[in-house]
C-alpha cells in the first residue's frame, strides 16, 4: 500500500495516523521465498517534525512460515514489529548513499508500507528455525525424517586416513 505524504508536509509538527493493509503474501530473502500466512493491519503514526523531516512509528504483526533447518517441516514464526524510522526528505540521493542510509520505502512523496515492513522482516528474520529443540533432522544418506522413523543406514564413520588401506583390501579381496 502506498501512502502519499505531501499533505503531511504542509505544517511542521503535524501528525497523522494510518491503518494500512499489508499487500505482501510472500517474503523473499537470500534464504528463499516464504509464505506470509497471517497478517494484521499495519498501524502507522507519521509526524512531520520540521524542515521535511518525518518520524515514522510502525506497529504490525504477521506470521511467516519457514522450513525447519533440520527436518524441513513447516514452522510458523510470529513477528511482532514495533519500530521507528526518522526520514529526512531534504537529503539528496548522493548524500544518502554516502551515509549508507537505504530508504527503498520512500519514493518522492510516497511511502511504500510493504517495503517498510519488508526491511524490518529482513532484520528480524531468525538465524535458525527449528520445529522443536530436540529435532533429529533427516538422514543425510537416505533422506528419512528421523523424528518419525529410524533408518537402517550404516552410520559408522570411517577414518579418512585409513582410505588407502581400505582400497588395498578392496582390490585384493579373495572371493
Foldseek 3Di string as FASTA:
>chain_A
DKDFQPVQQPDAFDKDKDWADQPDQWFQDPVGIKGWPDWDTKIWIWHRHDQQKIKIWIWIKTWIWFAAPFAGHTDIDIDTDTDIDIDRPVDDPVNCVVVVNDDPQDDPRMGNVNVVVSVVCVVPPDPGHHPDPPQPGADPPPGHRVVVPDDDDDPDDDDPVCVVVVVVCVVPPDD
